[in-house]
PDB file of N, CA and C in Angstrom:
ATOM      1  N   MET A   1      11.774  37.931 -51.263  1.00  0.00           N
ATOM      2  CA  MET A   1      11.797  39.314 -50.841  1.00  0.00           C
ATOM      3  C   MET A   1      11.095  39.443 -49.497  1.00  0.00           C
ATOM      4  N   SER A   2      11.712  40.132 -48.606  1.00  0.00           N
ATOM      5  CA  SER A   2      11.128  40.378 -47.295  1.00  0.00           C
ATOM      6  C   SER A   2      10.581  41.791 -47.252  1.00  0.00           C
ATOM      7  N   ILE A   3       9.532  41.957 -46.473  1.00  0.00           N
ATOM      8  CA  ILE A   3       8.969  43.281 -46.262  1.00  0.00           C
ATOM      9  C   ILE A   3       8.901  43.509 -44.755  1.00  0.00           C
ATOM     10  N   THR A   4       9.295  44.661 -44.324  1.00  0.00           N
ATOM     11  CA  THR A   4       9.346  44.959 -42.894  1.00  0.00           C
ATOM     12  C   THR A   4       8.173  45.860 -42.497  1.00  0.00           C
ATOM     13  N   LYS A   5       7.991  45.989 -41.176  1.00  0.00           N
ATOM     14  CA  LYS A   5       6.969  46.907 -40.678  1.00  0.00           C
ATOM     15  C   LYS A   5       7.253  48.323 -41.161  1.00  0.00           C
ATOM     16  N   LYS A   6       8.530  48.670 -41.231  1.00  0.00           N
ATOM     17  CA  LYS A   6       8.920  50.003 -41.688  1.00  0.00           C
ATOM     18  C   LYS A   6       8.486  50.222 -43.135  1.00  0.00           C
ATOM     19  N   ASP A   7       8.649  49.199 -43.985  1.00  0.00           N
ATOM     20  CA  ASP A   7       8.222  49.289 -45.386  1.00  0.00           C
ATOM     21  C   ASP A   7       6.710  49.455 -45.489  1.00  0.00           C
ATOM     22  N   ILE A   8       5.980  48.677 -44.690  1.00  0.00           N
ATOM     23  CA  ILE A   8       4.515  48.770 -44.708  1.00  0.00           C
ATOM     24  C   ILE A   8       4.074  50.155 -44.246  1.00  0.00           C
ATOM     25  N   ALA A   9       4.682  50.646 -43.165  1.00  0.00           N
ATOM     26  CA  ALA A   9       4.333  51.975 -42.648  1.00  0.00           C
ATOM     27  C   ALA A   9       4.633  53.054 -43.686  1.00  0.00           C
ATOM     28  N   LYS A  10       5.731  52.911 -44.405  1.00  0.00           N
ATOM     29  CA  LYS A  10       6.088  53.886 -45.442  1.00  0.00           C
ATOM     30  C   LYS A  10       5.048  53.880 -46.569  1.00  0.00           C
ATOM     31  N   ASN A  11       4.596  52.690 -46.965  1.00  0.00           N
ATOM     32  CA  ASN A  11       3.571  52.596 -48.006  1.00  0.00           C
ATOM     33  C   ASN A  11       2.246  53.186 -47.545  1.00  0.00           C
ATOM     34  N   ILE A  12       1.879  52.934 -46.287  1.00  0.00           N
ATOM     35  CA  ILE A  12       0.648  53.518 -45.741  1.00  0.00           C
ATOM     36  C   ILE A  12       0.759  55.035 -45.744  1.00  0.00           C
ATOM     37  N   LYS A  13       1.914  55.532 -45.327  1.00  0.00           N
ATOM     38  CA  LYS A  13       2.148  56.980 -45.292  1.00  0.00           C
ATOM     39  C   LYS A  13       1.955  57.594 -46.670  1.00  0.00           C
ATOM     40  N   THR A  14       2.510  56.955 -47.688  1.00  0.00           N
ATOM     41  CA  THR A  14       2.434  57.474 -49.050  1.00  0.00           C
ATOM     42  C   THR A  14       1.015  57.419 -49.610  1.00  0.00           C
ATOM     43  N   LYS A  15       0.353  56.266 -49.440  1.00  0.00           N
ATOM     44  CA  LYS A  15      -0.976  56.087 -50.046  1.00  0.00           C
ATOM     45  C   LYS A  15      -2.081  56.806 -49.294  1.00  0.00           C
ATOM     46  N   ALA A  16      -1.964  56.895 -47.965  1.00  0.00           N
ATOM     47  CA  ALA A  16      -3.015  57.529 -47.170  1.00  0.00           C
ATOM     48  C   ALA A  16      -2.712  58.992 -46.861  1.00  0.00           C
ATOM     49  N   LEU A  17      -1.558  59.471 -47.334  1.00  0.00           N
ATOM     50  CA  LEU A  17      -1.144  60.863 -47.104  1.00  0.00           C
ATOM     51  C   LEU A  17      -1.160  61.218 -45.621  1.00  0.00           C
ATOM     52  N   THR A  18      -0.503  60.362 -44.813  1.00  0.00           N
ATOM     53  CA  THR A  18      -0.399  60.606 -43.379  1.00  0.00           C
ATOM     54  C   THR A  18       1.068  60.817 -43.012  1.00  0.00           C
ATOM     55  N   ASP A  19       1.299  61.103 -41.738  1.00  0.00           N
ATOM     56  CA  ASP A  19       2.678  61.248 -41.287  1.00  0.00           C
ATOM     57  C   ASP A  19       3.204  59.904 -40.773  1.00  0.00           C
ATOM     58  N   ASN A  20       4.506  59.859 -40.464  1.00  0.00           N
ATOM     59  CA  ASN A  20       5.149  58.619 -40.006  1.00  0.00           C
ATOM     60  C   ASN A  20       4.516  58.073 -38.737  1.00  0.00           C
ATOM     61  N   ARG A  21       4.250  58.945 -37.775  1.00  0.00           N
ATOM     62  CA  ARG A  21       3.691  58.512 -36.497  1.00  0.00           C
ATOM     63  C   ARG A  21       2.342  57.820 -36.692  1.00  0.00           C
ATOM     64  N   THR A  22       1.484  58.390 -37.507  1.00  0.00           N
ATOM     65  CA  THR A  22       0.162  57.818 -37.738  1.00  0.00           C
ATOM     66  C   THR A  22       0.256  56.470 -38.443  1.00  0.00           C
ATOM     67  N   SER A  23       1.099  56.378 -39.457  1.00  0.00           N
ATOM     68  CA  SER A  23       1.222  55.117 -40.185  1.00  0.00           C
ATOM     69  C   SER A  23       1.836  54.031 -39.303  1.00  0.00           C
ATOM     70  N   ASN A  24       2.783  54.384 -38.458  1.00  0.00           N
ATOM     71  CA  ASN A  24       3.362  53.408 -37.524  1.00  0.00           C
ATOM     72  C   ASN A  24       2.334  52.946 -36.500  1.00  0.00           C
ATOM     73  N   LYS A  25       1.528  53.874 -35.976  1.00  0.00           N
ATOM     74  CA  LYS A  25       0.475  53.510 -35.031  1.00  0.00           C
ATOM     75  C   LYS A  25      -0.543  52.588 -35.680  1.00  0.00           C
ATOM     76  N   LEU A  26      -0.857  52.860 -36.940  1.00  0.00           N
ATOM     77  CA  LEU A  26      -1.833  52.045 -37.655  1.00  0.00           C
ATOM     78  C   LEU A  26      -1.360  50.601 -37.790  1.00  0.00           C
ATOM     79  N   ILE A  27      -0.137  50.394 -38.230  1.00  0.00           N
ATOM     80  CA  ILE A  27       0.380  49.040 -38.413  1.00  0.00           C
ATOM     81  C   ILE A  27       0.566  48.345 -37.068  1.00  0.00           C
ATOM     82  N   ASP A  28       1.004  49.084 -36.042  1.00  0.00           N
ATOM     83  CA  ASP A  28       1.155  48.497 -34.710  1.00  0.00           C
ATOM     84  C   ASP A  28      -0.205  48.093 -34.135  1.00  0.00           C
ATOM     85  N   SER A  29      -1.216  48.922 -34.360  1.00  0.00           N
ATOM     86  CA  SER A  29      -2.562  48.604 -33.885  1.00  0.00           C
ATOM     87  C   SER A  29      -3.102  47.356 -34.566  1.00  0.00           C
ATOM     88  N   PHE A  30      -2.883  47.239 -35.864  1.00  0.00           N
ATOM     89  CA  PHE A  30      -3.333  46.058 -36.607  1.00  0.00           C
ATOM     90  C   PHE A  30      -2.691  44.799 -36.037  1.00  0.00           C
ATOM     91  N   ILE A  31      -1.386  44.853 -35.803  1.00  0.00           N
ATOM     92  CA  ILE A  31      -0.673  43.688 -35.274  1.00  0.00           C
ATOM     93  C   ILE A  31      -1.164  43.335 -33.869  1.00  0.00           C
ATOM     94  N   GLU A  32      -1.398  44.327 -33.040  1.00  0.00           N
ATOM     95  CA  GLU A  32      -1.905  44.079 -31.685  1.00  0.00           C
ATOM     96  C   GLU A  32      -3.292  43.445 -31.716  1.00  0.00           C
ATOM     97  N   ILE A  33      -4.150  43.913 -32.610  1.00  0.00           N
ATOM     98  CA  ILE A  33      -5.496  43.349 -32.737  1.00  0.00           C
ATOM     99  C   ILE A  33      -5.406  41.885 -33.156  1.00  0.00           C
ATOM    100  N   VAL A  34      -4.571  41.585 -34.141  1.00  0.00           N
ATOM    101  CA  VAL A  34      -4.412  40.207 -34.602  1.00  0.00           C
ATOM    102  C   VAL A  34      -3.887  39.329 -33.476  1.00  0.00           C
ATOM    103  N   LYS A  35      -2.898  39.805 -32.731  1.00  0.00           N
ATOM    104  CA  LYS A  35      -2.353  39.035 -31.611  1.00  0.00           C
ATOM    105  C   LYS A  35      -3.426  38.748 -30.563  1.00  0.00           C
ATOM    106  N   ALA A  36      -4.146  39.778 -30.163  1.00  0.00           N
ATOM    107  CA  ALA A  36      -5.136  39.634 -29.095  1.00  0.00           C
ATOM    108  C   ALA A  36      -6.293  38.734 -29.498  1.00  0.00           C
ATOM    109  N   LYS A  37      -6.825  38.946 -30.680  1.00  0.00           N
ATOM    110  CA  LYS A  37      -7.991  38.180 -31.119  1.00  0.00           C
ATOM    111  C   LYS A  37      -7.638  36.748 -31.490  1.00  0.00           C
ATOM    112  N   SER A  38      -6.402  36.506 -31.926  1.00  0.00           N
ATOM    113  CA  SER A  38      -6.028  35.163 -32.366  1.00  0.00           C
ATOM    114  C   SER A  38      -5.858  34.199 -31.199  1.00  0.00           C
ATOM    115  N   LEU A  39      -5.755  34.694 -29.981  1.00  0.00           N
ATOM    116  CA  LEU A  39      -5.626  33.808 -28.827  1.00  0.00           C
ATOM    117  C   LEU A  39      -6.889  32.987 -28.612  1.00  0.00           C
ATOM    118  N   SER A  40      -8.041  33.572 -28.914  1.00  0.00           N
ATOM    119  CA  SER A  40      -9.299  32.878 -28.643  1.00  0.00           C
ATOM    120  C   SER A  40      -9.894  32.176 -29.866  1.00  0.00           C
ATOM    121  N   ASN A  41      -9.709  32.718 -31.057  1.00  0.00           N
ATOM    122  CA  ASN A  41     -10.289  32.088 -32.245  1.00  0.00           C
ATOM    123  C   ASN A  41      -9.596  32.565 -33.515  1.00  0.00           C
ATOM    124  N   ASP A  42     -10.012  32.003 -34.651  1.00  0.00           N
ATOM    125  CA  ASP A  42      -9.442  32.386 -35.934  1.00  0.00           C
ATOM    126  C   ASP A  42      -9.924  33.781 -36.334  1.00  0.00           C
ATOM    127  N   ILE A  43      -9.101  34.467 -37.121  1.00  0.00           N
ATOM    128  CA  ILE A  43      -9.456  35.797 -37.608  1.00  0.00           C
ATOM    129  C   ILE A  43      -9.527  35.732 -39.123  1.00  0.00           C
ATOM    130  N   LYS A  44     -10.703  36.029 -39.671  1.00  0.00           N
ATOM    131  CA  LYS A  44     -10.858  36.039 -41.120  1.00  0.00           C
ATOM    132  C   LYS A  44     -11.068  37.478 -41.571  1.00  0.00           C
ATOM    133  N   ILE A  45     -10.237  37.917 -42.500  1.00  0.00           N
ATOM    134  CA  ILE A  45     -10.372  39.241 -43.098  1.00  0.00           C
ATOM    135  C   ILE A  45     -10.811  39.012 -44.537  1.00  0.00           C
ATOM    136  N   ALA A  46     -12.018  39.447 -44.858  1.00  0.00           N
ATOM    137  CA  ALA A  46     -12.600  39.187 -46.175  1.00  0.00           C
ATOM    138  C   ALA A  46     -11.699  39.698 -47.291  1.00  0.00           C
ATOM    139  N   HIS A  47     -11.530  38.890 -48.317  1.00  0.00           N
ATOM    140  CA  HIS A  47     -10.737  39.191 -49.514  1.00  0.00           C
ATOM    141  C   HIS A  47      -9.255  39.407 -49.204  1.00  0.00           C
ATOM    142  N   PHE A  48      -8.806  38.976 -48.027  1.00  0.00           N
ATOM    143  CA  PHE A  48      -7.391  39.106 -47.665  1.00  0.00           C
ATOM    144  C   PHE A  48      -6.821  37.767 -47.205  1.00  0.00           C
ATOM    145  N   GLY A  49      -7.409  37.182 -46.160  1.00  0.00           N
ATOM    146  CA  GLY A  49      -6.929  35.897 -45.681  1.00  0.00           C
ATOM    147  C   GLY A  49      -7.406  35.599 -44.277  1.00  0.00           C
ATOM    148  N   THR A  50      -6.904  34.479 -43.738  1.00  0.00           N
ATOM    149  CA  THR A  50      -7.309  34.024 -42.421  1.00  0.00           C
ATOM    150  C   THR A  50      -6.079  33.744 -41.568  1.00  0.00           C
ATOM    151  N   PHE A  51      -6.100  34.243 -40.337  1.00  0.00           N
ATOM    152  CA  PHE A  51      -5.071  33.942 -39.357  1.00  0.00           C
ATOM    153  C   PHE A  51      -5.605  32.830 -38.459  1.00  0.00           C
ATOM    154  N   THR A  52      -4.862  31.731 -38.344  1.00  0.00           N
ATOM    155  CA  THR A  52      -5.266  30.616 -37.501  1.00  0.00           C
ATOM    156  C   THR A  52      -4.114  30.222 -36.584  1.00  0.00           C
ATOM    157  N   ASN A  53      -4.460  29.610 -35.462  1.00  0.00           N
ATOM    158  CA  ASN A  53      -3.446  29.074 -34.560  1.00  0.00           C
ATOM    159  C   ASN A  53      -3.108  27.661 -34.992  1.00  0.00           C
ATOM    160  N   LYS A  54      -1.820  27.358 -35.022  1.00  0.00           N
ATOM    161  CA  LYS A  54      -1.353  26.028 -35.403  1.00  0.00           C
ATOM    162  C   LYS A  54      -0.437  25.529 -34.290  1.00  0.00           C
ATOM    163  N   VAL A  55      -0.739  24.334 -33.782  1.00  0.00           N
ATOM    164  CA  VAL A  55       0.074  23.754 -32.720  1.00  0.00           C
ATOM    165  C   VAL A  55       1.153  22.887 -33.358  1.00  0.00           C
ATOM    166  N   THR A  56       2.421  23.189 -33.044  1.00  0.00           N
ATOM    167  CA  THR A  56       3.515  22.348 -33.519  1.00  0.00           C
ATOM    168  C   THR A  56       3.885  21.403 -32.389  1.00  0.00           C
ATOM    169  N   PRO A  57       3.993  20.122 -32.664  1.00  0.00           N
ATOM    170  CA  PRO A  57       4.257  19.153 -31.596  1.00  0.00           C
ATOM    171  C   PRO A  57       5.684  19.259 -31.050  1.00  0.00           C
ATOM    172  N   GLN A  58       5.873  18.664 -29.893  1.00  0.00           N
ATOM    173  CA  GLN A  58       7.201  18.602 -29.295  1.00  0.00           C
ATOM    174  C   GLN A  58       8.110  17.793 -30.218  1.00  0.00           C
ATOM    175  N   ARG A  59       9.380  18.214 -30.320  1.00  0.00           N
ATOM    176  CA  ARG A  59      10.303  17.504 -31.209  1.00  0.00           C
ATOM    177  C   ARG A  59      11.723  17.614 -30.681  1.00  0.00           C
ATOM    178  N   ILE A  60      12.589  16.847 -31.268  1.00  0.00           N
ATOM    179  CA  ILE A  60      13.995  16.873 -30.881  1.00  0.00           C
ATOM    180  C   ILE A  60      14.738  17.809 -31.830  1.00  0.00           C
ATOM    181  N   GLY A  61      15.476  18.757 -31.262  1.00  0.00           N
ATOM    182  CA  GLY A  61      16.286  19.684 -32.036  1.00  0.00           C
ATOM    183  C   GLY A  61      17.752  19.358 -31.849  1.00  0.00           C
ATOM    184  N   ARG A  62      18.544  19.804 -32.785  1.00  0.00           N
ATOM    185  CA  ARG A  62      19.969  19.503 -32.738  1.00  0.00           C
ATOM    186  C   ARG A  62      20.763  20.775 -32.978  1.00  0.00           C
ATOM    187  N   ASN A  63      21.780  20.996 -32.153  1.00  0.00           N
ATOM    188  CA  ASN A  63      22.697  22.104 -32.351  1.00  0.00           C
ATOM    189  C   ASN A  63      23.614  21.724 -33.515  1.00  0.00           C
ATOM    190  N   PRO A  64      23.580  22.450 -34.622  1.00  0.00           N
ATOM    191  CA  PRO A  64      24.370  22.051 -35.787  1.00  0.00           C
ATOM    192  C   PRO A  64      25.881  22.114 -35.548  1.00  0.00           C
ATOM    193  N   LYS A  65      26.298  22.957 -34.638  1.00  0.00           N
ATOM    194  CA  LYS A  65      27.731  23.106 -34.386  1.00  0.00           C
ATOM    195  C   LYS A  65      28.286  21.960 -33.539  1.00  0.00           C
ATOM    196  N   THR A  66      27.562  21.640 -32.458  1.00  0.00           N
ATOM    197  CA  THR A  66      28.069  20.621 -31.538  1.00  0.00           C
ATOM    198  C   THR A  66      27.408  19.260 -31.722  1.00  0.00           C
ATOM    199  N   GLY A  67      26.235  19.230 -32.339  1.00  0.00           N
ATOM    200  CA  GLY A  67      25.509  17.973 -32.509  1.00  0.00           C
ATOM    201  C   GLY A  67      24.700  17.579 -31.286  1.00  0.00           C
ATOM    202  N   ASP A  68      24.710  18.407 -30.234  1.00  0.00           N
ATOM    203  CA  ASP A  68      23.937  18.108 -29.030  1.00  0.00           C
ATOM    204  C   ASP A  68      22.445  18.170 -29.330  1.00  0.00           C
ATOM    205  N   GLU A  69      21.710  17.197 -28.786  1.00  0.00           N
ATOM    206  CA  GLU A  69      20.261  17.157 -28.971  1.00  0.00           C
ATOM    207  C   GLU A  69      19.571  17.734 -27.748  1.00  0.00           C
ATOM    208  N   HIS A  70      18.450  18.396 -27.984  1.00  0.00           N
ATOM    209  CA  HIS A  70      17.612  18.881 -26.894  1.00  0.00           C
ATOM    210  C   HIS A  70      16.162  18.870 -27.363  1.00  0.00           C
ATOM    211  N   ILE A  71      15.246  18.886 -26.409  1.00  0.00           N
ATOM    212  CA  ILE A  71      13.822  18.820 -26.732  1.00  0.00           C
ATOM    213  C   ILE A  71      13.284  20.235 -26.915  1.00  0.00           C
ATOM    214  N   ILE A  72      12.593  20.444 -28.045  1.00  0.00           N
ATOM    215  CA  ILE A  72      11.914  21.707 -28.312  1.00  0.00           C
ATOM    216  C   ILE A  72      10.457  21.491 -27.937  1.00  0.00           C
ATOM    217  N   SER A  73       9.948  22.292 -27.026  1.00  0.00           N
ATOM    218  CA  SER A  73       8.600  22.103 -26.494  1.00  0.00           C
ATOM    219  C   SER A  73       7.526  22.397 -27.539  1.00  0.00           C
ATOM    220  N   GLU A  74       6.318  21.911 -27.253  1.00  0.00           N
ATOM    221  CA  GLU A  74       5.167  22.177 -28.110  1.00  0.00           C
ATOM    222  C   GLU A  74       4.903  23.678 -28.113  1.00  0.00           C
ATOM    223  N   ARG A  75       4.579  24.218 -29.286  1.00  0.00           N
ATOM    224  CA  ARG A  75       4.350  25.661 -29.414  1.00  0.00           C
ATOM    225  C   ARG A  75       3.101  25.938 -30.228  1.00  0.00           C
ATOM    226  N   VAL A  76       2.533  27.109 -29.995  1.00  0.00           N
ATOM    227  CA  VAL A  76       1.403  27.571 -30.792  1.00  0.00           C
ATOM    228  C   VAL A  76       1.922  28.675 -31.702  1.00  0.00           C
ATOM    229  N   LYS A  77       1.737  28.484 -32.997  1.00  0.00           N
ATOM    230  CA  LYS A  77       2.200  29.466 -33.973  1.00  0.00           C
ATOM    231  C   LYS A  77       1.000  30.069 -34.689  1.00  0.00           C
ATOM    232  N   LEU A  78       1.164  31.295 -35.130  1.00  0.00           N
ATOM    233  CA  LEU A  78       0.128  31.971 -35.889  1.00  0.00           C
ATOM    234  C   LEU A  78       0.373  31.700 -37.367  1.00  0.00           C
ATOM    235  N   ASN A  79      -0.621  31.115 -38.024  1.00  0.00           N
ATOM    236  CA  ASN A  79      -0.510  30.722 -39.422  1.00  0.00           C
ATOM    237  C   ASN A  79      -1.423  31.626 -40.260  1.00  0.00           C
ATOM    238  N   PHE A  80      -0.959  32.043 -41.421  1.00  0.00           N
ATOM    239  CA  PHE A  80      -1.758  32.893 -42.311  1.00  0.00           C
ATOM    240  C   PHE A  80      -2.030  32.157 -43.608  1.00  0.00           C
ATOM    241  N   VAL A  81      -3.304  32.094 -43.990  1.00  0.00           N
ATOM    242  CA  VAL A  81      -3.715  31.478 -45.245  1.00  0.00           C
ATOM    243  C   VAL A  81      -4.308  32.579 -46.123  1.00  0.00           C
ATOM    244  N   VAL A  82      -3.747  32.746 -47.304  1.00  0.00           N
ATOM    245  CA  VAL A  82      -4.165  33.808 -48.219  1.00  0.00           C
ATOM    246  C   VAL A  82      -5.524  33.457 -48.828  1.00  0.00           C
ATOM    247  N   SER A  83      -6.373  34.475 -49.040  1.00  0.00           N
ATOM    248  CA  SER A  83      -7.687  34.246 -49.640  1.00  0.00           C
ATOM    249  C   SER A  83      -7.548  33.932 -51.130  1.00  0.00           C
ATOM    250  N   ASN A  84      -8.589  33.317 -51.672  1.00  0.00           N
ATOM    251  CA  ASN A  84      -8.590  32.974 -53.097  1.00  0.00           C
ATOM    252  C   ASN A  84      -8.551  34.222 -53.978  1.00  0.00           C
ATOM    253  N   LYS A  85      -9.134  35.321 -53.520  1.00  0.00           N
ATOM    254  CA  LYS A  85      -9.111  36.571 -54.288  1.00  0.00           C
ATOM    255  C   LYS A  85      -7.678  37.057 -54.508  1.00  0.00           C
ATOM    256  N   ILE A  86      -6.868  36.998 -53.468  1.00  0.00           N
ATOM    257  CA  ILE A  86      -5.465  37.422 -53.578  1.00  0.00           C
ATOM    258  C   ILE A  86      -4.706  36.446 -54.483  1.00  0.00           C
ATOM    259  N   LYS A  87      -4.962  35.156 -54.313  1.00  0.00           N
ATOM    260  CA  LYS A  87      -4.295  34.151 -55.162  1.00  0.00           C
ATOM    261  C   LYS A  87      -4.612  34.386 -56.628  1.00  0.00           C
ATOM    262  N   GLU A  88      -5.868  34.692 -56.939  1.00  0.00           N
ATOM    263  CA  GLU A  88      -6.269  34.958 -58.319  1.00  0.00           C
ATOM    264  C   GLU A  88      -5.539  36.186 -58.875  1.00  0.00           C
ATOM    265  N   GLN A  89      -5.366  37.220 -58.060  1.00  0.00           N
ATOM    266  CA  GLN A  89      -4.680  38.422 -58.517  1.00  0.00           C
ATOM    267  C   GLN A  89      -3.210  38.161 -58.776  1.00  0.00           C
ATOM    268  N   LEU A  90      -2.614  37.256 -58.013  1.00  0.00           N
ATOM    269  CA  LEU A  90      -1.196  36.945 -58.188  1.00  0.00           C
ATOM    270  C   LEU A  90      -0.945  36.080 -59.405  1.00  0.00           C
ATOM    271  N   ASN A  91      -1.912  35.262 -59.752  1.00  0.00           N
ATOM    272  CA  ASN A  91      -1.718  34.335 -60.890  1.00  0.00           C
ATOM    273  C   ASN A  91      -2.417  34.798 -62.102  1.00  0.00           C
TER     274      ASN A  91
END
């Protein structure tokens, strides 16, 4: 199951009794904070999880249609690790 920003904003609107604009600003602000702060170091949110930067090495990619190979450059990805509290609630 996928959840979108729109779904999250709708849930915030319902639970916090706010309007659409406020809930959208809230989720956008959260995402901007995570993006900005994650460039310099890891972000740990207590009882929720940790956002870390993960470097994926350079690799060879293949076009499935034509079979042509090309090099995919090294990239930095944002990785999320769920806290043990959330894991316990799920299990």
